[in-house]
N, C-alpha and C. Protein backbone atom coordinates (compact mmCIF):
# COMPACT_ATOMS: atom_id res chain seq x y z
N MET A 1 33.73 67.90 -61.32
CA MET A 1 33.80 66.46 -61.34
C MET A 1 34.10 65.91 -59.94
N ASN A 2 34.81 66.65 -59.11
CA ASN A 2 35.13 66.19 -57.77
C ASN A 2 33.98 66.38 -56.80
N GLU A 3 32.98 67.16 -57.17
CA GLU A 3 31.88 67.43 -56.26
C GLU A 3 31.13 66.18 -55.82
N PRO A 4 30.79 65.25 -56.73
CA PRO A 4 30.09 64.05 -56.27
C PRO A 4 30.92 63.22 -55.29
N ASP A 5 32.24 63.16 -55.51
CA ASP A 5 33.09 62.41 -54.59
C ASP A 5 33.10 63.05 -53.21
N GLU A 6 33.19 64.36 -53.16
CA GLU A 6 33.18 65.06 -51.89
C GLU A 6 31.85 64.89 -51.19
N GLN A 7 30.78 64.94 -51.96
CA GLN A 7 29.45 64.78 -51.38
C GLN A 7 29.29 63.35 -50.85
N HIS A 8 29.79 62.39 -51.59
CA HIS A 8 29.69 60.99 -51.17
C HIS A 8 30.45 60.77 -49.86
N ARG A 9 31.63 61.37 -49.73
CA ARG A 9 32.43 61.21 -48.52
C ARG A 9 31.72 61.79 -47.30
N SER A 10 31.06 62.91 -47.47
CA SER A 10 30.43 63.55 -46.32
C SER A 10 29.17 62.82 -45.88
N THR A 11 28.51 62.08 -46.77
CA THR A 11 27.28 61.39 -46.41
C THR A 11 27.49 59.89 -46.23
N HIS A 12 28.70 59.40 -46.46
CA HIS A 12 28.97 57.96 -46.34
C HIS A 12 28.95 57.53 -44.87
N ARG A 13 28.22 56.48 -44.60
CA ARG A 13 28.16 55.94 -43.25
C ARG A 13 28.88 54.59 -43.24
N ARG A 14 29.50 54.32 -42.11
CA ARG A 14 30.21 53.06 -41.97
C ARG A 14 29.22 51.90 -41.94
N ALA A 15 29.64 50.78 -42.51
CA ALA A 15 28.80 49.59 -42.51
C ALA A 15 28.89 48.86 -41.18
N GLY A 16 29.92 49.17 -40.40
CA GLY A 16 30.05 48.55 -39.10
C GLY A 16 31.05 47.42 -39.06
N THR A 17 31.58 47.00 -40.20
CA THR A 17 32.52 45.88 -40.21
C THR A 17 33.97 46.32 -40.34
N GLU A 18 34.21 47.52 -40.85
CA GLU A 18 35.59 47.98 -41.01
C GLU A 18 36.05 48.67 -39.73
N PRO A 19 37.35 48.61 -39.45
CA PRO A 19 37.85 49.26 -38.24
C PRO A 19 37.75 50.78 -38.35
N VAL A 20 37.57 51.43 -37.21
CA VAL A 20 37.45 52.88 -37.19
C VAL A 20 38.77 53.53 -37.59
N ASN A 21 39.87 52.99 -37.12
CA ASN A 21 41.18 53.54 -37.42
C ASN A 21 41.97 52.58 -38.30
N ALA A 22 41.47 52.33 -39.50
CA ALA A 22 42.16 51.43 -40.42
C ALA A 22 43.50 52.01 -40.82
N ARG A 23 44.50 51.16 -40.89
CA ARG A 23 45.85 51.60 -41.23
C ARG A 23 46.26 50.98 -42.56
N SER A 24 47.03 51.72 -43.29
CA SER A 24 47.51 51.25 -44.59
C SER A 24 48.82 50.49 -44.42
N ALA A 25 49.05 49.54 -45.29
CA ALA A 25 50.30 48.76 -45.26
C ALA A 25 51.31 49.32 -46.26
N LEU A 26 51.12 50.57 -46.70
CA LEU A 26 52.04 51.14 -47.69
C LEU A 26 53.45 51.30 -47.14
N GLY A 27 53.61 51.54 -45.86
CA GLY A 27 54.94 51.68 -45.28
C GLY A 27 55.73 50.38 -45.37
N LEU A 28 55.10 49.29 -44.99
CA LEU A 28 55.75 47.98 -45.09
C LEU A 28 56.03 47.62 -46.54
N ARG A 29 55.06 47.89 -47.40
CA ARG A 29 55.24 47.60 -48.82
C ARG A 29 56.39 48.41 -49.39
N ALA A 30 56.52 49.67 -48.98
CA ALA A 30 57.62 50.51 -49.45
C ALA A 30 58.96 49.98 -48.95
N ALA A 31 59.01 49.54 -47.71
CA ALA A 31 60.26 49.00 -47.16
C ALA A 31 60.67 47.73 -47.91
N LEU A 32 59.72 46.85 -48.16
CA LEU A 32 60.03 45.61 -48.88
C LEU A 32 60.47 45.91 -50.31
N SER A 33 59.82 46.85 -50.96
CA SER A 33 60.21 47.22 -52.33
C SER A 33 61.59 47.85 -52.36
N ALA A 34 61.91 48.66 -51.36
CA ALA A 34 63.23 49.29 -51.31
C ALA A 34 64.32 48.24 -51.12
N VAL A 35 64.08 47.27 -50.23
CA VAL A 35 65.06 46.19 -50.03
C VAL A 35 65.21 45.37 -51.30
N ALA A 36 64.10 45.06 -51.96
CA ALA A 36 64.15 44.29 -53.21
C ALA A 36 64.89 45.06 -54.29
N LEU A 37 64.68 46.37 -54.36
CA LEU A 37 65.35 47.19 -55.36
C LEU A 37 66.86 47.17 -55.16
N VAL A 38 67.30 47.41 -53.93
CA VAL A 38 68.74 47.43 -53.64
C VAL A 38 69.37 46.06 -53.89
N ALA A 39 68.73 45.01 -53.39
CA ALA A 39 69.28 43.66 -53.55
C ALA A 39 69.34 43.27 -55.03
N ALA A 40 68.28 43.56 -55.78
CA ALA A 40 68.26 43.20 -57.19
C ALA A 40 69.31 43.97 -57.98
N LEU A 41 69.51 45.25 -57.65
CA LEU A 41 70.53 46.03 -58.34
C LEU A 41 71.93 45.48 -58.06
N ILE A 42 72.19 45.12 -56.81
CA ILE A 42 73.51 44.58 -56.46
C ILE A 42 73.75 43.26 -57.21
N VAL A 43 72.79 42.36 -57.17
CA VAL A 43 72.95 41.07 -57.85
C VAL A 43 73.07 41.27 -59.36
N CYS A 44 72.30 42.20 -59.91
CA CYS A 44 72.36 42.48 -61.35
C CYS A 44 73.76 42.94 -61.74
N VAL A 45 74.33 43.85 -60.98
CA VAL A 45 75.67 44.36 -61.30
C VAL A 45 76.71 43.25 -61.16
N VAL A 46 76.62 42.46 -60.11
CA VAL A 46 77.59 41.38 -59.89
C VAL A 46 77.55 40.40 -61.06
N PHE A 47 76.39 39.97 -61.48
CA PHE A 47 76.30 39.00 -62.55
C PHE A 47 76.60 39.61 -63.92
N ALA A 48 76.32 40.89 -64.09
CA ALA A 48 76.70 41.55 -65.35
C ALA A 48 78.22 41.62 -65.47
N VAL A 49 78.89 41.91 -64.37
CA VAL A 49 80.36 41.95 -64.38
C VAL A 49 80.92 40.55 -64.63
N ARG A 50 80.34 39.55 -63.97
CA ARG A 50 80.80 38.16 -64.20
C ARG A 50 80.57 37.74 -65.64
N GLY A 51 79.44 38.15 -66.20
CA GLY A 51 79.17 37.81 -67.60
C GLY A 51 80.14 38.49 -68.55
N ALA A 52 80.50 39.72 -68.23
CA ALA A 52 81.44 40.46 -69.08
C ALA A 52 82.84 39.86 -68.99
N GLN A 53 83.18 39.27 -67.84
CA GLN A 53 84.48 38.64 -67.67
C GLN A 53 84.53 37.23 -68.24
N GLY A 54 83.40 36.72 -68.64
CA GLY A 54 83.35 35.37 -69.20
C GLY A 54 83.25 34.28 -68.16
N ALA A 55 83.00 34.64 -66.93
CA ALA A 55 82.87 33.65 -65.86
C ALA A 55 81.50 33.00 -65.93
N GLY A 56 81.43 31.76 -65.53
CA GLY A 56 80.15 31.06 -65.50
C GLY A 56 79.90 30.30 -66.78
N PRO A 57 78.98 29.35 -66.72
CA PRO A 57 78.70 28.52 -67.89
C PRO A 57 77.82 29.24 -68.92
N GLY A 58 78.32 29.45 -70.08
CA GLY A 58 77.54 30.02 -71.18
C GLY A 58 76.98 31.39 -70.88
N ALA A 59 75.69 31.53 -71.08
CA ALA A 59 75.03 32.81 -70.91
C ALA A 59 74.34 32.93 -69.55
N ALA A 60 74.61 32.00 -68.65
CA ALA A 60 73.93 32.00 -67.34
C ALA A 60 74.07 33.32 -66.58
N PRO A 61 75.28 33.91 -66.49
CA PRO A 61 75.37 35.18 -65.76
C PRO A 61 74.53 36.29 -66.38
N TRP A 62 74.47 36.32 -67.70
CA TRP A 62 73.68 37.36 -68.37
C TRP A 62 72.19 37.15 -68.14
N ILE A 63 71.76 35.92 -68.14
CA ILE A 63 70.34 35.63 -67.90
C ILE A 63 69.95 36.06 -66.48
N ILE A 64 70.80 35.73 -65.52
CA ILE A 64 70.52 36.13 -64.13
C ILE A 64 70.54 37.65 -64.00
N ALA A 65 71.48 38.30 -64.69
CA ALA A 65 71.55 39.76 -64.65
C ALA A 65 70.28 40.39 -65.23
N VAL A 66 69.77 39.84 -66.30
CA VAL A 66 68.54 40.38 -66.91
C VAL A 66 67.35 40.16 -65.99
N ILE A 67 67.24 38.97 -65.41
CA ILE A 67 66.12 38.67 -64.51
C ILE A 67 66.14 39.60 -63.30
N THR A 68 67.30 39.78 -62.70
CA THR A 68 67.37 40.67 -61.54
C THR A 68 67.20 42.13 -61.93
N GLY A 69 67.60 42.48 -63.14
CA GLY A 69 67.36 43.85 -63.62
C GLY A 69 65.87 44.13 -63.78
N VAL A 70 65.15 43.15 -64.30
CA VAL A 70 63.69 43.29 -64.43
C VAL A 70 63.05 43.36 -63.05
N THR A 71 63.55 42.56 -62.12
CA THR A 71 63.05 42.62 -60.75
C THR A 71 63.27 44.00 -60.13
N ALA A 72 64.44 44.57 -60.37
CA ALA A 72 64.73 45.92 -59.87
C ALA A 72 63.79 46.94 -60.49
N LEU A 73 63.51 46.79 -61.77
CA LEU A 73 62.59 47.70 -62.45
C LEU A 73 61.19 47.61 -61.86
N ILE A 74 60.74 46.41 -61.59
CA ILE A 74 59.41 46.22 -60.99
C ILE A 74 59.37 46.85 -59.60
N ALA A 75 60.42 46.67 -58.82
CA ALA A 75 60.47 47.26 -57.48
C ALA A 75 60.47 48.78 -57.56
N ALA A 76 61.17 49.35 -58.54
CA ALA A 76 61.20 50.80 -58.70
C ALA A 76 59.82 51.34 -59.09
N VAL A 77 59.14 50.64 -59.98
CA VAL A 77 57.78 51.06 -60.36
C VAL A 77 56.85 50.96 -59.16
N ASP A 78 56.99 49.90 -58.37
CA ASP A 78 56.16 49.75 -57.18
C ASP A 78 56.41 50.90 -56.20
N LEU A 79 57.66 51.30 -56.02
CA LEU A 79 57.96 52.44 -55.15
C LEU A 79 57.33 53.72 -55.68
N ALA A 80 57.33 53.90 -56.99
CA ALA A 80 56.71 55.09 -57.58
C ALA A 80 55.20 55.09 -57.33
N VAL A 81 54.58 53.93 -57.46
CA VAL A 81 53.13 53.82 -57.20
C VAL A 81 52.83 54.10 -55.73
N ILE A 82 53.65 53.55 -54.85
CA ILE A 82 53.46 53.78 -53.42
C ILE A 82 53.61 55.26 -53.10
N TYR A 83 54.61 55.91 -53.66
CA TYR A 83 54.82 57.34 -53.43
C TYR A 83 53.60 58.13 -53.90
N ARG A 84 53.09 57.79 -55.07
CA ARG A 84 51.93 58.52 -55.61
C ARG A 84 50.70 58.30 -54.72
N ARG A 85 50.48 57.07 -54.29
CA ARG A 85 49.32 56.79 -53.45
C ARG A 85 49.43 57.45 -52.07
N SER A 86 50.65 57.57 -51.56
CA SER A 86 50.80 58.18 -50.25
C SER A 86 50.57 59.69 -50.31
N ARG A 87 50.66 60.27 -51.48
CA ARG A 87 50.44 61.72 -51.63
C ARG A 87 48.99 62.06 -51.95
N GLU A 88 48.16 61.06 -52.21
CA GLU A 88 46.74 61.31 -52.50
C GLU A 88 46.02 61.67 -51.21
N PRO A 89 45.03 62.54 -51.30
CA PRO A 89 44.27 62.90 -50.10
C PRO A 89 43.40 61.78 -49.59
């Protein structure tokens, strides 16, 4: 199944519009996802603790904790995708 892909790569000619040494933005994307993951986890923990202590109006701390927890989950999945893509040939 990989043979057609390998054959295509060896016979593929550049169209002339793409750069010869194109670079991927996966490094920057990984850095941004890592910062988002750490920040979201910190904020999630802070607001979960505040919610458990009863601080804040109503359920606001819990809502913020859930939103930032989901954000952390998305950042973690993005890091996993970046890691997988960086290991592909």
